[in-house]
Amino acid sequence: MRGINRSLSGFFLLSALCLLPACAQAAEEDDFANETDSYVRYTAGRSLKAQPGKVQLTRSELNYSYNLKLYDRLPVKFTVNPEYVNINNSSAVDLPAHLTGFSADVETTL
């Protein structure tokens, strides 16, 4: 469990360091083209009412957005959002060890 948390923290740190040059260049232009947001949420182990055992969750998410203008007029925003949920289960219920998700979005204002 601790190894997973460390690898996720390393992933987020590496992602932020890779994006710093792009953010610095956009800051000179007074317009931020890249946006990042990440979090890790830990839920302490909870006892189950009907049976012995506990379930513990750790969820992490990274949101990366890139803003640009097509033909110097049409604002477009691309967003990617990978998610990871680690499940530590000591109950008799058969739960997966982890869940992963990925979403992507393209939006514009007309």
PDB file of N, CA and C in Angstrom:
ATOM      1  N   MET A   1       0.827  -1.195   0.000  1.00  0.00           N
ATOM      2  CA  MET A   1       0.000   0.000   0.000  1.00  0.00           C
ATOM      3  C   MET A   1       0.866   1.252   0.000  1.00  0.00           C
ATOM      4  N   ARG A   2       1.903   1.279   0.854  1.00  0.00           N
ATOM      5  CA  ARG A   2       2.754   2.456   0.909  1.00  0.00           C
ATOM      6  C   ARG A   2       3.538   2.633  -0.384  1.00  0.00           C
ATOM      7  N   GLY A   3       3.935   1.528  -1.017  1.00  0.00           N
ATOM      8  CA  GLY A   3       4.650   1.603  -2.281  1.00  0.00           C
ATOM      9  C   GLY A   3       3.790   2.218  -3.373  1.00  0.00           C
ATOM     10  N   ILE A   4       2.495   1.896  -3.377  1.00  0.00           N
ATOM     11  CA  ILE A   4       1.573   2.466  -4.363  1.00  0.00           C
ATOM     12  C   ILE A   4       1.442   3.961  -4.146  1.00  0.00           C
ATOM     13  N   ASN A   5       1.288   4.394  -2.884  1.00  0.00           N
ATOM     14  CA  ASN A   5       1.162   5.816  -2.594  1.00  0.00           C
ATOM     15  C   ASN A   5       2.411   6.574  -3.010  1.00  0.00           C
ATOM     16  N   ARG A   6       3.589   5.981  -2.769  1.00  0.00           N
ATOM     17  CA  ARG A   6       4.833   6.635  -3.157  1.00  0.00           C
ATOM     18  C   ARG A   6       4.956   6.738  -4.665  1.00  0.00           C
ATOM     19  N   SER A   7       4.558   5.687  -5.390  1.00  0.00           N
ATOM     20  CA  SER A   7       4.664   5.736  -6.841  1.00  0.00           C
ATOM     21  C   SER A   7       3.676   6.745  -7.416  1.00  0.00           C
ATOM     22  N   LEU A   8       2.487   6.860  -6.817  1.00  0.00           N
ATOM     23  CA  LEU A   8       1.526   7.858  -7.285  1.00  0.00           C
ATOM     24  C   LEU A   8       2.020   9.270  -7.003  1.00  0.00           C
ATOM     25  N   SER A   9       2.607   9.483  -5.830  1.00  0.00           N
ATOM     26  CA  SER A   9       3.161  10.794  -5.503  1.00  0.00           C
ATOM     27  C   SER A   9       4.280  11.149  -6.466  1.00  0.00           C
ATOM     28  N   GLY A  10       5.119  10.166  -6.779  1.00  0.00           N
ATOM     29  CA  GLY A  10       6.193  10.393  -7.742  1.00  0.00           C
ATOM     30  C   GLY A  10       5.654  10.731  -9.116  1.00  0.00           C
ATOM     31  N   PHE A  11       4.571  10.057  -9.523  1.00  0.00           N
ATOM     32  CA  PHE A  11       3.942  10.340 -10.814  1.00  0.00           C
ATOM     33  C   PHE A  11       3.448  11.783 -10.874  1.00  0.00           C
ATOM     34  N   PHE A  12       2.769  12.240  -9.823  1.00  0.00           N
ATOM     35  CA  PHE A  12       2.242  13.604  -9.814  1.00  0.00           C
ATOM     36  C   PHE A  12       3.369  14.636  -9.783  1.00  0.00           C
ATOM     37  N   LEU A  13       4.423  14.362  -9.024  1.00  0.00           N
ATOM     38  CA  LEU A  13       5.557  15.277  -8.962  1.00  0.00           C
ATOM     39  C   LEU A  13       6.249  15.355 -10.318  1.00  0.00           C
ATOM     40  N   LEU A  14       6.474  14.210 -10.959  1.00  0.00           N
ATOM     41  CA  LEU A  14       7.104  14.192 -12.277  1.00  0.00           C
ATOM     42  C   LEU A  14       6.241  14.917 -13.303  1.00  0.00           C
ATOM     43  N   SER A  15       4.925  14.729 -13.242  1.00  0.00           N
ATOM     44  CA  SER A  15       4.017  15.417 -14.163  1.00  0.00           C
ATOM     45  C   SER A  15       4.107  16.925 -13.987  1.00  0.00           C
ATOM     46  N   ALA A  16       4.139  17.379 -12.742  1.00  0.00           N
ATOM     47  CA  ALA A  16       4.218  18.820 -12.485  1.00  0.00           C
ATOM     48  C   ALA A  16       5.544  19.388 -12.970  1.00  0.00           C
ATOM     49  N   LEU A  17       6.655  18.667 -12.754  1.00  0.00           N
ATOM     50  CA  LEU A  17       7.962  19.154 -13.189  1.00  0.00           C
ATOM     51  C   LEU A  17       8.072  19.215 -14.707  1.00  0.00           C
ATOM     52  N   CYS A  18       7.430  18.291 -15.401  1.00  0.00           N
ATOM     53  CA  CYS A  18       7.458  18.296 -16.867  1.00  0.00           C
ATOM     54  C   CYS A  18       6.658  19.461 -17.433  1.00  0.00           C
ATOM     55  N   LEU A  19       5.663  19.927 -16.713  1.00  0.00           N
ATOM     56  CA  LEU A  19       4.801  20.996 -17.203  1.00  0.00           C
ATOM     57  C   LEU A  19       5.311  22.384 -16.839  1.00  0.00           C
ATOM     58  N   LEU A  20       6.300  22.499 -15.944  1.00  0.00           N
ATOM     59  CA  LEU A  20       6.792  23.807 -15.525  1.00  0.00           C
ATOM     60  C   LEU A  20       7.338  24.651 -16.676  1.00  0.00           C
ATOM     61  N   PRO A  21       8.146  24.123 -17.600  1.00  0.00           N
ATOM     62  CA  PRO A  21       8.625  24.968 -18.700  1.00  0.00           C
ATOM     63  C   PRO A  21       7.490  25.523 -19.549  1.00  0.00           C
ATOM     64  N   ALA A  22       6.466  24.732 -19.805  1.00  0.00           N
ATOM     65  CA  ALA A  22       5.338  25.207 -20.597  1.00  0.00           C
ATOM     66  C   ALA A  22       4.574  26.300 -19.857  1.00  0.00           C
ATOM     67  N   CYS A  23       4.413  26.163 -18.543  1.00  0.00           N
ATOM     68  CA  CYS A  23       3.725  27.185 -17.749  1.00  0.00           C
ATOM     69  C   CYS A  23       4.530  28.475 -17.707  1.00  0.00           C
ATOM     70  N   ALA A  24       5.854  28.372 -17.606  1.00  0.00           N
ATOM     71  CA  ALA A  24       6.693  29.568 -17.558  1.00  0.00           C
ATOM     72  C   ALA A  24       6.610  30.342 -18.868  1.00  0.00           C
ATOM     73  N   GLN A  25       6.603  29.634 -19.983  1.00  0.00           N
ATOM     74  CA  GLN A  25       6.502  30.303 -21.276  1.00  0.00           C
ATOM     75  C   GLN A  25       5.145  30.988 -21.420  1.00  0.00           C
ATOM     76  N   ALA A  26       4.060  30.335 -20.977  1.00  0.00           N
ATOM     77  CA  ALA A  26       2.734  30.933 -21.065  1.00  0.00           C
ATOM     78  C   ALA A  26       2.617  32.138 -20.143  1.00  0.00           C
ATOM     79  N   ALA A  27       3.317  32.120 -18.992  1.00  0.00           N
ATOM     80  CA  ALA A  27       3.244  33.234 -18.051  1.00  0.00           C
ATOM     81  C   ALA A  27       3.833  34.500 -18.673  1.00  0.00           C
ATOM     82  N   GLU A  28       4.847  34.350 -19.520  1.00  0.00           N
ATOM     83  CA  GLU A  28       5.414  35.517 -20.179  1.00  0.00           C
ATOM     84  C   GLU A  28       4.414  36.160 -21.125  1.00  0.00           C
ATOM     85  N   GLU A  29       3.500  35.363 -21.647  1.00  0.00           N
ATOM     86  CA  GLU A  29       2.487  35.870 -22.566  1.00  0.00           C
ATOM     87  C   GLU A  29       1.229  36.336 -21.836  1.00  0.00           C
ATOM     88  N   ASP A  30       1.211  36.291 -20.507  1.00  0.00           N
ATOM     89  CA  ASP A  30       0.057  36.656 -19.681  1.00  0.00           C
ATOM     90  C   ASP A  30      -1.171  35.802 -19.972  1.00  0.00           C
ATOM     91  N   ASP A  31      -0.964  34.578 -20.404  1.00  0.00           N
ATOM     92  CA  ASP A  31      -2.078  33.675 -20.667  1.00  0.00           C
ATOM     93  C   ASP A  31      -1.617  32.250 -20.376  1.00  0.00           C
ATOM     94  N   PHE A  32      -2.208  31.611 -19.366  1.00  0.00           N
ATOM     95  CA  PHE A  32      -1.812  30.261 -19.011  1.00  0.00           C
ATOM     96  C   PHE A  32      -2.523  29.267 -19.917  1.00  0.00           C
ATOM     97  N   ALA A  33      -1.761  28.522 -20.692  1.00  0.00           N
ATOM     98  CA  ALA A  33      -2.328  27.543 -21.609  1.00  0.00           C
ATOM     99  C   ALA A  33      -2.504  26.192 -20.940  1.00  0.00           C
ATOM    100  N   ASN A  34      -1.718  25.901 -19.905  1.00  0.00           N
ATOM    101  CA  ASN A  34      -1.769  24.613 -19.212  1.00  0.00           C
ATOM    102  C   ASN A  34      -2.328  24.791 -17.810  1.00  0.00           C
ATOM    103  N   GLU A  35      -3.182  23.869 -17.411  1.00  0.00           N
ATOM    104  CA  GLU A  35      -3.711  23.854 -16.054  1.00  0.00           C
ATOM    105  C   GLU A  35      -3.604  22.432 -15.522  1.00  0.00           C
ATOM    106  N   THR A  36      -3.137  22.284 -14.289  1.00  0.00           N
ATOM    107  CA  THR A  36      -3.087  20.967 -13.663  1.00  0.00           C
ATOM    108  C   THR A  36      -3.699  21.040 -12.271  1.00  0.00           C
ATOM    109  N   ASP A  37      -4.295  19.945 -11.882  1.00  0.00           N
ATOM    110  CA  ASP A  37      -4.878  19.824 -10.558  1.00  0.00           C
ATOM    111  C   ASP A  37      -4.787  18.353 -10.172  1.00  0.00           C
ATOM    112  N   SER A  38      -4.335  18.064  -8.978  1.00  0.00           N
ATOM    113  CA  SER A  38      -4.244  16.674  -8.545  1.00  0.00           C
ATOM    114  C   SER A  38      -4.593  16.584  -7.070  1.00  0.00           C
ATOM    115  N   TYR A  39      -5.034  15.405  -6.682  1.00  0.00           N
ATOM    116  CA  TYR A  39      -5.284  15.176  -5.267  1.00  0.00           C
ATOM    117  C   TYR A  39      -5.195  13.690  -4.958  1.00  0.00           C
ATOM    118  N   VAL A  40      -4.949  13.398  -3.702  1.00  0.00           N
ATOM    119  CA  VAL A  40      -4.988  12.048  -3.172  1.00  0.00           C
ATOM    120  C   VAL A  40      -5.882  12.090  -1.941  1.00  0.00           C
ATOM    121  N   ARG A  41      -6.876  11.246  -1.903  1.00  0.00           N
ATOM    122  CA  ARG A  41      -7.834  11.209  -0.783  1.00  0.00           C
ATOM    123  C   ARG A  41      -7.774   9.829  -0.135  1.00  0.00           C
ATOM    124  N   TYR A  42      -7.566   9.809   1.168  1.00  0.00           N
ATOM    125  CA  TYR A  42      -7.471   8.571   1.928  1.00  0.00           C
ATOM    126  C   TYR A  42      -8.698   8.438   2.812  1.00  0.00           C
ATOM    127  N   THR A  43      -9.326   7.275   2.774  1.00  0.00           N
ATOM    128  CA  THR A  43     -10.454   6.975   3.651  1.00  0.00           C
ATOM    129  C   THR A  43     -10.000   5.879   4.606  1.00  0.00           C
ATOM    130  N   ALA A  44     -10.023   6.174   5.888  1.00  0.00           N
ATOM    131  CA  ALA A  44      -9.572   5.205   6.892  1.00  0.00           C
ATOM    132  C   ALA A  44     -10.427   3.946   6.835  1.00  0.00           C
ATOM    133  N   GLY A  45      -9.849   2.841   7.304  1.00  0.00           N
ATOM    134  CA  GLY A  45     -10.566   1.570   7.289  1.00  0.00           C
ATOM    135  C   GLY A  45     -11.865   1.634   8.074  1.00  0.00           C
ATOM    136  N   ARG A  46     -12.911   1.113   7.498  1.00  0.00           N
ATOM    137  CA  ARG A  46     -14.228   1.082   8.139  1.00  0.00           C
ATOM    138  C   ARG A  46     -14.655  -0.350   8.375  1.00  0.00           C
ATOM    139  N   SER A  47     -15.233  -0.596   9.522  1.00  0.00           N
ATOM    140  CA  SER A  47     -15.754  -1.928   9.826  1.00  0.00           C
ATOM    141  C   SER A  47     -17.057  -2.142   9.086  1.00  0.00           C
ATOM    142  N   LEU A  48     -17.315  -3.377   8.737  1.00  0.00           N
ATOM    143  CA  LEU A  48     -18.569  -3.745   8.082  1.00  0.00           C
ATOM    144  C   LEU A  48     -19.555  -4.225   9.137  1.00  0.00           C
ATOM    145  N   LYS A  49     -20.830  -3.935   8.962  1.00  0.00           N
ATOM    146  CA  LYS A  49     -21.837  -4.294   9.966  1.00  0.00           C
ATOM    147  C   LYS A  49     -22.173  -5.778   9.954  1.00  0.00           C
ATOM    148  N   ALA A  50     -22.311  -6.384   8.781  1.00  0.00           N
ATOM    149  CA  ALA A  50     -22.808  -7.749   8.694  1.00  0.00           C
ATOM    150  C   ALA A  50     -21.730  -8.814   8.826  1.00  0.00           C
ATOM    151  N   GLN A  51     -20.440  -8.433   8.755  1.00  0.00           N
ATOM    152  CA  GLN A  51     -19.382  -9.441   8.802  1.00  0.00           C
ATOM    153  C   GLN A  51     -18.084  -8.828   9.307  1.00  0.00           C
ATOM    154  N   PRO A  52     -17.152  -9.660   9.732  1.00  0.00           N
ATOM    155  CA  PRO A  52     -15.867  -9.127  10.212  1.00  0.00           C
ATOM    156  C   PRO A  52     -15.007  -8.641   9.040  1.00  0.00           C
ATOM    157  N   GLY A  53     -14.149  -7.708   9.340  1.00  0.00           N
ATOM    158  CA  GLY A  53     -13.241  -7.193   8.329  1.00  0.00           C
ATOM    159  C   GLY A  53     -13.412  -5.695   8.132  1.00  0.00           C
ATOM    160  N   LYS A  54     -12.489  -5.102   7.382  1.00  0.00           N
ATOM    161  CA  LYS A  54     -12.522  -3.669   7.100  1.00  0.00           C
ATOM    162  C   LYS A  54     -12.253  -3.414   5.629  1.00  0.00           C
ATOM    163  N   VAL A  55     -12.686  -2.244   5.171  1.00  0.00           N
ATOM    164  CA  VAL A  55     -12.416  -1.795   3.811  1.00  0.00           C
ATOM    165  C   VAL A  55     -11.781  -0.407   3.910  1.00  0.00           C
ATOM    166  N   GLN A  56     -10.689  -0.219   3.201  1.00  0.00           N
ATOM    167  CA  GLN A  56      -9.954   1.044   3.223  1.00  0.00           C
ATOM    168  C   GLN A  56      -9.733   1.485   1.776  1.00  0.00           C
ATOM    169  N   LEU A  57      -9.960   2.775   1.484  1.00  0.00           N
ATOM    170  CA  LEU A  57      -9.828   3.297   0.130  1.00  0.00           C
ATOM    171  C   LEU A  57      -8.797   4.414   0.060  1.00  0.00           C
ATOM    172  N   THR A  58      -8.041   4.444  -1.035  1.00  0.00           N
ATOM    173  CA  THR A  58      -7.157   5.558  -1.360  1.00  0.00           C
ATOM    174  C   THR A  58      -7.444   5.915  -2.809  1.00  0.00           C
ATOM    175  N   ARG A  59      -7.807   7.167  -3.038  1.00  0.00           N
ATOM    176  CA  ARG A  59      -8.172   7.602  -4.387  1.00  0.00           C
ATOM    177  C   ARG A  59      -7.245   8.732  -4.815  1.00  0.00           C
ATOM    178  N   SER A  60      -6.772   8.668  -6.044  1.00  0.00           N
ATOM    179  CA  SER A  60      -5.935   9.739  -6.579  1.00  0.00           C
ATOM    180  C   SER A  60      -6.442  10.110  -7.966  1.00  0.00           C
ATOM    181  N   GLU A  61      -6.271  11.378  -8.284  1.00  0.00           N
ATOM    182  CA  GLU A  61      -6.760  11.878  -9.567  1.00  0.00           C
ATOM    183  C   GLU A  61      -5.857  13.015 -10.026  1.00  0.00           C
ATOM    184  N   LEU A  62      -5.642  13.093 -11.322  1.00  0.00           N
ATOM    185  CA  LEU A  62      -4.878  14.166 -11.936  1.00  0.00           C
ATOM    186  C   LEU A  62      -5.732  14.745 -13.045  1.00  0.00           C
ATOM    187  N   ASN A  63      -5.864  16.056 -13.076  1.00  0.00           N
ATOM    188  CA  ASN A  63      -6.638  16.729 -14.112  1.00  0.00           C
ATOM    189  C   ASN A  63      -5.693  17.664 -14.865  1.00  0.00           C
ATOM    190  N   TYR A  64      -5.533  17.449 -16.163  1.00  0.00           N
ATOM    191  CA  TYR A  64      -4.663  18.288 -16.975  1.00  0.00           C
ATOM    192  C   TYR A  64      -5.488  18.903 -18.098  1.00  0.00           C
ATOM    193  N   SER A  65      -5.397  20.226 -18.247  1.00  0.00           N
ATOM    194  CA  SER A  65      -6.126  20.944 -19.292  1.00  0.00           C
ATOM    195  C   SER A  65      -5.162  21.773 -20.122  1.00  0.00           C
ATOM    196  N   TYR A  66      -5.457  21.865 -21.405  1.00  0.00           N
ATOM    197  CA  TYR A  66      -4.663  22.677 -22.316  1.00  0.00           C
ATOM    198  C   TYR A  66      -5.616  23.576 -23.097  1.00  0.00           C
ATOM    199  N   ASN A  67      -5.400  24.886 -23.012  1.00  0.00           N
ATOM    200  CA  ASN A  67      -6.239  25.869 -23.706  1.00  0.00           C
ATOM    201  C   ASN A  67      -5.516  26.389 -24.936  1.00  0.00           C
ATOM    202  N   LEU A  68      -6.242  26.533 -26.031  1.00  0.00           N
ATOM    203  CA  LEU A  68      -5.672  27.108 -27.236  1.00  0.00           C
ATOM    204  C   LEU A  68      -6.766  27.803 -28.028  1.00  0.00           C
ATOM    205  N   LYS A  69      -6.361  28.557 -29.029  1.00  0.00           N
ATOM    206  CA  LYS A  69      -7.306  29.231 -29.909  1.00  0.00           C
ATOM    207  C   LYS A  69      -7.082  28.745 -31.336  1.00  0.00           C
ATOM    208  N   LEU A  70      -8.115  28.171 -31.931  1.00  0.00           N
ATOM    209  CA  LEU A  70      -8.036  27.751 -33.316  1.00  0.00           C
ATOM    210  C   LEU A  70      -8.260  28.949 -34.224  1.00  0.00           C
ATOM    211  N   TYR A  71      -7.446  29.065 -35.224  1.00  0.00           N
ATOM    212  CA  TYR A  71      -7.534  30.176 -36.177  1.00  0.00           C
ATOM    213  C   TYR A  71      -7.501  31.531 -35.468  1.00  0.00           C
ATOM    214  N   ASP A  72      -6.823  31.578 -34.308  1.00  0.00           N
ATOM    215  CA  ASP A  72      -6.686  32.789 -33.491  1.00  0.00           C
ATOM    216  C   ASP A  72      -8.008  33.382 -33.039  1.00  0.00           C
ATOM    217  N   ARG A  73      -9.087  32.596 -33.028  1.00  0.00           N
ATOM    218  CA  ARG A  73     -10.404  33.106 -32.621  1.00  0.00           C
ATOM    219  C   ARG A  73     -11.186  32.153 -31.726  1.00  0.00           C
ATOM    220  N   LEU A  74     -11.257  30.892 -32.099  1.00  0.00           N
ATOM    221  CA  LEU A  74     -12.129  29.933 -31.417  1.00  0.00           C
ATOM    222  C   LEU A  74     -11.401  29.301 -30.223  1.00  0.00           C
ATOM    223  N   PRO A  75     -11.815  29.610 -28.970  1.00  0.00           N
ATOM    224  CA  PRO A  75     -11.156  29.007 -27.804  1.00  0.00           C
ATOM    225  C   PRO A  75     -11.549  27.533 -27.652  1.00  0.00           C
ATOM    226  N   VAL A  76     -10.553  26.687 -27.501  1.00  0.00           N
ATOM    227  CA  VAL A  76     -10.773  25.253 -27.337  1.00  0.00           C
ATOM    228  C   VAL A  76      -9.993  24.801 -26.098  1.00  0.00           C
ATOM    229  N   LYS A  77     -10.621  23.930 -25.315  1.00  0.00           N
ATOM    230  CA  LYS A  77      -9.988  23.412 -24.107  1.00  0.00           C
ATOM    231  C   LYS A  77     -10.000  21.885 -24.170  1.00  0.00           C
ATOM    232  N   PHE A  78      -8.804  21.269 -24.134  1.00  0.00           N
ATOM    233  CA  PHE A  78      -8.652  19.822 -24.084  1.00  0.00           C
ATOM    234  C   PHE A  78      -8.343  19.437 -22.645  1.00  0.00           C
ATOM    235  N   THR A  79      -9.022  18.408 -22.140  1.00  0.00           N
ATOM    236  CA  THR A  79      -8.816  17.970 -20.766  1.00  0.00           C
ATOM    237  C   THR A  79      -8.674  16.453 -20.732  1.00  0.00           C
ATOM    238  N   VAL A  80      -7.704  15.967 -19.962  1.00  0.00           N
ATOM    239  CA  VAL A  80      -7.571  14.532 -19.686  1.00  0.00           C
ATOM    240  C   VAL A  80      -7.567  14.348 -18.180  1.00  0.00           C
ATOM    241  N   ASN A  81      -8.141  13.234 -17.747  1.00  0.00           N
ATOM    242  CA  ASN A  81      -8.336  13.024 -16.319  1.00  0.00           C
ATOM    243  C   ASN A  81      -8.153  11.543 -15.968  1.00  0.00           C
ATOM    244  N   PRO A  82      -6.920  11.097 -15.644  1.00  0.00           N
ATOM    245  CA  PRO A  82      -6.735   9.722 -15.173  1.00  0.00           C
ATOM    246  C   PRO A  82      -7.066   9.619 -13.684  1.00  0.00           C
ATOM    247  N   GLU A  83      -7.647   8.480 -13.288  1.00  0.00           N
ATOM    248  CA  GLU A  83      -8.028   8.251 -11.898  1.00  0.00           C
ATOM    249  C   GLU A  83      -7.553   6.863 -11.460  1.00  0.00           C
ATOM    250  N   TYR A  84      -7.265   6.725 -10.175  1.00  0.00           N
ATOM    251  CA  TYR A  84      -6.849   5.445  -9.611  1.00  0.00           C
ATOM    252  C   TYR A  84      -7.443   5.314  -8.212  1.00  0.00           C
ATOM    253  N   VAL A  85      -8.063   4.169  -7.919  1.00  0.00           N
ATOM    254  CA  VAL A  85      -8.612   3.881  -6.595  1.00  0.00           C
ATOM    255  C   VAL A  85      -7.993   2.573  -6.103  1.00  0.00           C
ATOM    256  N   ASN A  86      -7.306   2.638  -4.964  1.00  0.00           N
ATOM    257  CA  ASN A  86      -6.727   1.453  -4.347  1.00  0.00           C
ATOM    258  C   ASN A  86      -7.686   0.972  -3.262  1.00  0.00           C
ATOM    259  N   ILE A  87      -8.005  -0.317  -3.246  1.00  0.00           N
ATOM    260  CA  ILE A  87      -8.940  -0.888  -2.278  1.00  0.00           C
ATOM    261  C   ILE A  87      -8.195  -1.913  -1.440  1.00  0.00           C
ATOM    262  N   ASN A  88      -8.118  -1.653  -0.134  1.00  0.00           N
ATOM    263  CA  ASN A  88      -7.513  -2.587   0.810  1.00  0.00           C
ATOM    264  C   ASN A  88      -8.651  -3.254   1.564  1.00  0.00           C
ATOM    265  N   ASN A  89      -8.899  -4.520   1.287  1.00  0.00           N
ATOM    266  CA  ASN A  89     -10.074  -5.214   1.789  1.00  0.00           C
ATOM    267  C   ASN A  89      -9.657  -6.407   2.632  1.00  0.00           C
ATOM    268  N   SER A  90     -10.149  -6.466   3.879  1.00  0.00           N
ATOM    269  CA  SER A  90      -9.882  -7.625   4.735  1.00  0.00           C
ATOM    270  C   SER A  90     -11.178  -8.355   5.083  1.00  0.00           C
ATOM    271  N   SER A  91     -12.241  -8.095   4.332  1.00  0.00           N
ATOM    272  CA  SER A  91     -13.522  -8.755   4.595  1.00  0.00           C
ATOM    273  C   SER A  91     -13.683  -9.956   3.654  1.00  0.00           C
ATOM    274  N   ALA A  92     -14.770 -10.693   3.846  1.00  0.00           N
ATOM    275  CA  ALA A  92     -15.049 -11.865   3.014  1.00  0.00           C
ATOM    276  C   ALA A  92     -15.624 -11.473   1.652  1.00  0.00           C
ATOM    277  N   VAL A  93     -16.018 -10.229   1.481  1.00  0.00           N
ATOM    278  CA  VAL A  93     -16.570  -9.763   0.217  1.00  0.00           C
ATOM    279  C   VAL A  93     -15.444  -9.678  -0.810  1.00  0.00           C
ATOM    280  N   ASP A  94     -15.673 -10.211  -1.990  1.00  0.00           N
ATOM    281  CA  ASP A  94     -14.656 -10.221  -3.037  1.00  0.00           C
ATOM    282  C   ASP A  94     -14.676  -8.886  -3.790  1.00  0.00           C
ATOM    283  N   LEU A  95     -13.717  -8.013  -3.458  1.00  0.00           N
ATOM    284  CA  LEU A  95     -13.591  -6.712  -4.119  1.00  0.00           C
ATOM    285  C   LEU A  95     -12.295  -6.677  -4.920  1.00  0.00           C
ATOM    286  N   PRO A  96     -12.251  -5.918  -6.011  1.00  0.00           N
ATOM    287  CA  PRO A  96     -10.994  -5.808  -6.758  1.00  0.00           C
ATOM    288  C   PRO A  96      -9.952  -5.046  -5.941  1.00  0.00           C
ATOM    289  N   ALA A  97      -8.677  -5.280  -6.239  1.00  0.00           N
ATOM    290  CA  ALA A  97      -7.593  -4.620  -5.501  1.00  0.00           C
ATOM    291  C   ALA A  97      -7.472  -3.155  -5.880  1.00  0.00           C
ATOM    292  N   HIS A  98      -7.860  -2.802  -7.101  1.00  0.00           N
ATOM    293  CA  HIS A  98      -7.787  -1.408  -7.545  1.00  0.00           C
ATOM    294  C   HIS A  98      -8.750  -1.183  -8.702  1.00  0.00           C
ATOM    295  N   LEU A  99      -9.079   0.078  -8.909  1.00  0.00           N
ATOM    296  CA  LEU A  99      -9.911   0.508 -10.032  1.00  0.00           C
ATOM    297  C   LEU A  99      -9.172   1.630 -10.749  1.00  0.00           C
ATOM    298  N   THR A 100      -9.238   1.649 -12.051  1.00  0.00           N
ATOM    299  CA  THR A 100      -8.622   2.727 -12.817  1.00  0.00           C
ATOM    300  C   THR A 100      -9.666   3.331 -13.745  1.00  0.00           C
ATOM    301  N   GLY A 101      -9.481   4.595 -14.039  1.00  0.00           N
ATOM    302  CA  GLY A 101     -10.399   5.277 -14.945  1.00  0.00           C
ATOM    303  C   GLY A 101      -9.653   6.339 -15.734  1.00  0.00           C
ATOM    304  N   PHE A 102     -10.202   6.688 -16.868  1.00  0.00           N
ATOM    305  CA  PHE A 102      -9.616   7.721 -17.709  1.00  0.00           C
ATOM    306  C   PHE A 102     -10.738   8.404 -18.464  1.00  0.00           C
ATOM    307  N   SER A 103     -10.721   9.723 -18.467  1.00  0.00           N
ATOM    308  CA  SER A 103     -11.704  10.468 -19.249  1.00  0.00           C
ATOM    309  C   SER A 103     -10.998  11.580 -20.004  1.00  0.00           C
ATOM    310  N   ALA A 104     -11.564  11.960 -21.121  1.00  0.00           N
ATOM    311  CA  ALA A 104     -11.028  13.049 -21.926  1.00  0.00           C
ATOM    312  C   ALA A 104     -12.188  13.929 -22.356  1.00  0.00           C
ATOM    313  N   ASP A 105     -11.919  15.213 -22.544  1.00  0.00           N
ATOM    314  CA  ASP A 105     -12.971  16.169 -22.846  1.00  0.00           C
ATOM    315  C   ASP A 105     -12.416  17.240 -23.791  1.00  0.00           C
ATOM    316  N   VAL A 106     -13.249  17.668 -24.714  1.00  0.00           N
ATOM    317  CA  VAL A 106     -12.928  18.804 -25.589  1.00  0.00           C
ATOM    318  C   VAL A 106     -14.120  19.740 -25.498  1.00  0.00           C
ATOM    319  N   GLU A 107     -13.852  21.020 -25.164  1.00  0.00           N
ATOM    320  CA  GLU A 107     -14.958  21.973 -25.069  1.00  0.00           C
ATOM    321  C   GLU A 107     -14.583  23.282 -25.760  1.00  0.00           C
ATOM    322  N   THR A 108     -15.602  23.953 -26.227  1.00  0.00           N
ATOM    323  CA  THR A 108     -15.421  25.245 -26.875  1.00  0.00           C
ATOM    324  C   THR A 108     -16.632  26.123 -26.602  1.00  0.00           C
ATOM    325  N   THR A 109     -16.448  27.413 -26.718  1.00  0.00           N
ATOM    326  CA  THR A 109     -17.535  28.373 -26.549  1.00  0.00           C
ATOM    327  C   THR A 109     -17.761  29.050 -27.888  1.00  0.00           C
ATOM    328  N   LEU A 110     -18.980  28.956 -28.380  1.00  0.00           N
ATOM    329  CA  LEU A 110     -19.298  29.593 -29.675  1.00  0.00           C
ATOM    330  C   LEU A 110     -19.913  30.958 -29.479  1.00  0.00           C
TER     331      LEU A 110
END
